[in-house]
C-alpha atoms as a PDB file:
ATOM      1  CA  MET A   1    -174.686  34.524 177.720  1.00  0.00           C
ATOM      2  CA  LYS A   2    -172.967  32.012 178.722  1.00  0.00           C
ATOM      3  CA  THR A   3    -173.107  30.028 182.759  1.00  0.00           C
ATOM      4  CA  ILE A   4    -169.655  28.707 184.347  1.00  0.00           C
ATOM      5  CA  ALA A   5    -169.104  27.894 188.075  1.00  0.00           C
ATOM      6  CA  CYS A   6    -166.838  29.322 189.918  1.00  0.00           C
ATOM      7  CA  THR A   7    -164.015  27.221 189.712  1.00  0.00           C
ATOM      8  CA  GLU A   8    -163.886  26.792 186.411  1.00  0.00           C
ATOM      9  CA  PHE A   9    -164.447  30.887 185.488  1.00  0.00           C
ATOM     10  CA  ARG A  10    -160.391  30.618 187.067  1.00  0.00           C
ATOM     11  CA  LYS A  11    -159.326  28.120 184.769  1.00  0.00           C
ATOM     12  CA  ARG A  12    -160.449  29.421 181.535  1.00  0.00           C
ATOM     13  CA  ALA A  13    -160.920  33.327 182.394  1.00  0.00           C
ATOM     14  CA  SER A  14    -158.388  34.011 179.647  1.00  0.00           C
ATOM     15  CA  ALA A  15    -160.895  32.585 177.250  1.00  0.00           C
ATOM     16  CA  MET A  16    -163.949  33.826 179.064  1.00  0.00           C
ATOM     17  CA  LEU A  17    -163.012  37.133 179.411  1.00  0.00           C
ATOM     18  CA  ASP A  18    -161.683  36.635 175.160  1.00  0.00           C
ATOM     19  CA  TRP A  19    -165.260  35.948 174.503  1.00  0.00           C
ATOM     20  CA  VAL A  20    -166.949  38.520 177.592  1.00  0.00           C
ATOM     21  CA  GLU A  21    -164.384  41.507 174.715  1.00  0.00           C
ATOM     22  CA  LYS A  22    -166.454  39.835 171.663  1.00  0.00           C
ATOM     23  CA  GLY A  23    -169.454  41.137 172.907  1.00  0.00           C
ATOM     24  CA  GLY A  24    -170.416  37.958 175.096  1.00  0.00           C
ATOM     25  CA  THR A  25    -171.924  38.027 178.783  1.00  0.00           C
ATOM     26  CA  VAL A  26    -170.722  35.623 181.614  1.00  0.00           C
ATOM     27  CA  ARG A  27    -172.634  34.245 184.342  1.00  0.00           C
ATOM     28  CA  VAL A  28    -170.548  33.588 186.993  1.00  0.00           C
ATOM     29  CA  LEU A  29    -172.079  30.619 189.633  1.00  0.00           C
ATOM     30  CA  ARG A  30    -170.940  29.542 193.223  1.00  0.00           C
ATOM     31  CA  HIS A  31    -172.355  26.280 194.633  1.00  0.00           C
ATOM     32  CA  GLY A  32    -175.473  26.585 191.847  1.00  0.00           C
ATOM     33  CA  GLN A  33    -175.681  30.973 193.186  1.00  0.00           C
ATOM     34  CA  ALA A  34    -175.490  33.197 190.235  1.00  0.00           C
ATOM     35  CA  VAL A  35    -172.667  35.884 192.247  1.00  0.00           C
ATOM     36  CA  ALA A  36    -170.998  37.622 189.300  1.00  0.00           C
ATOM     37  CA  LYS A  37    -171.994  38.582 185.123  1.00  0.00           C
ATOM     38  CA  VAL A  38    -168.771  39.684 183.336  1.00  0.00           C
ATOM     39  CA  ILE A  39    -170.509  42.071 180.329  1.00  0.00           C
ATOM     40  CA  PRO A  40    -168.342  43.936 177.832  1.00  0.00           C
ATOM     41  CA  ASP A  41    -167.129  47.992 178.942  1.00  0.00           C
ATOM     42  CA  GLU A  42    -169.199  50.695 177.924  1.00  0.00           C
ATOM     43  CA  SER A  43    -166.330  52.872 176.552  1.00  0.00           C
ATOM     44  CA  ALA A  44    -164.954  49.386 174.858  1.00  0.00           C
ATOM     45  CA  ARG A  45    -168.062  50.048 172.473  1.00  0.00           C
ATOM     46  CA  ARG A  46    -167.530  52.962 171.716  1.00  0.00           C
ATOM     47  CA  SER A  47    -165.318  53.399 168.758  1.00  0.00           C
ATOM     48  CA  PRO A  48    -162.627  55.325 168.069  1.00  0.00           C
ATOM     49  CA  ALA A  49    -162.225  59.400 167.563  1.00  0.00           C
ATOM     50  CA  TRP A  50    -160.928  58.794 164.197  1.00  0.00           C
ATOM     51  CA  LYS A  51    -163.623  56.799 162.974  1.00  0.00           C
ATOM     52  CA  THR A  52    -166.670  59.121 164.486  1.00  0.00           C
ATOM     53  CA  ALA A  53    -168.357  61.351 161.069  1.00  0.00           C
ATOM     54  CA  ARG A  54    -167.292  65.000 161.303  1.00  0.00           C
ATOM     55  CA  PRO A  55    -167.921  67.518 159.502  1.00  0.00           C
ATOM     56  CA  ARG A  56    -166.160  68.752 156.512  1.00  0.00           C
ATOM     57  CA  LEU A  57    -164.350  71.956 155.738  1.00  0.00           C
ATOM     58  CA  VAL A  58    -165.424  73.185 153.030  1.00  0.00           C
ATOM     59  CA  VAL A  59    -164.077  76.332 151.530  1.00  0.00           C
ATOM     60  CA  SER A  60    -164.806  78.547 149.046  1.00  0.00           C
ATOM     61  CA  GLY A  61    -162.788  79.494 146.037  1.00  0.00           C
ATOM     62  CA  GLY A  62    -159.703  77.202 144.447  1.00  0.00           C
ATOM     63  CA  SER A  63    -158.315  74.234 145.459  1.00  0.00           C
ATOM     64  CA  LEU A  64    -156.302  74.419 148.894  1.00  0.00           C
ATOM     65  CA  SER A  65    -153.817  71.069 147.091  1.00  0.00           C
ATOM     66  CA  ARG A  66    -154.392  73.087 143.900  1.00  0.00           C
ATOM     67  CA  ALA A  67    -153.210  76.175 145.028  1.00  0.00           C
ATOM     68  CA  ILE A  68    -149.687  74.197 147.077  1.00  0.00           C
ATOM     69  CA  LEU A  69    -148.824  72.589 143.711  1.00  0.00           C
ATOM     70  CA  GLU A  70    -148.328  75.904 141.790  1.00  0.00           C
ATOM     71  CA  GLU A  71    -146.810  77.494 144.380  1.00  0.00           C
ATOM     72  CA  ARG A  72    -144.308  74.191 144.576  1.00  0.00           C
ATOM     73  CA  GLY A  73    -144.157  74.530 140.829  1.00  0.00           C
ATOM     74  CA  ALA A  74    -143.317  77.949 140.776  1.00  0.00           C
ATOM     75  CA  ARG A  75    -140.641  78.103 142.961  1.00  0.00           C
ATOM     76  CA  PRO A  76    -136.738  78.067 141.125  1.00  0.00           C
END
């Protein structure tokens, strides 16, 4: 966790938000007293839906891709 004064946070806000985006935490002080804690958003930590594991589609019988290729080859 980084601790930074309010005036310094205002000057370096972009860099501090980059730090938080990477998983860091920033505590902001005003007159030596903690006034804010900037933490990563919970939804930002979740991986995209396309990266999550899904159940595999299992088809009995022959390969679907093979059947499609055979059908394409049968056309004139």
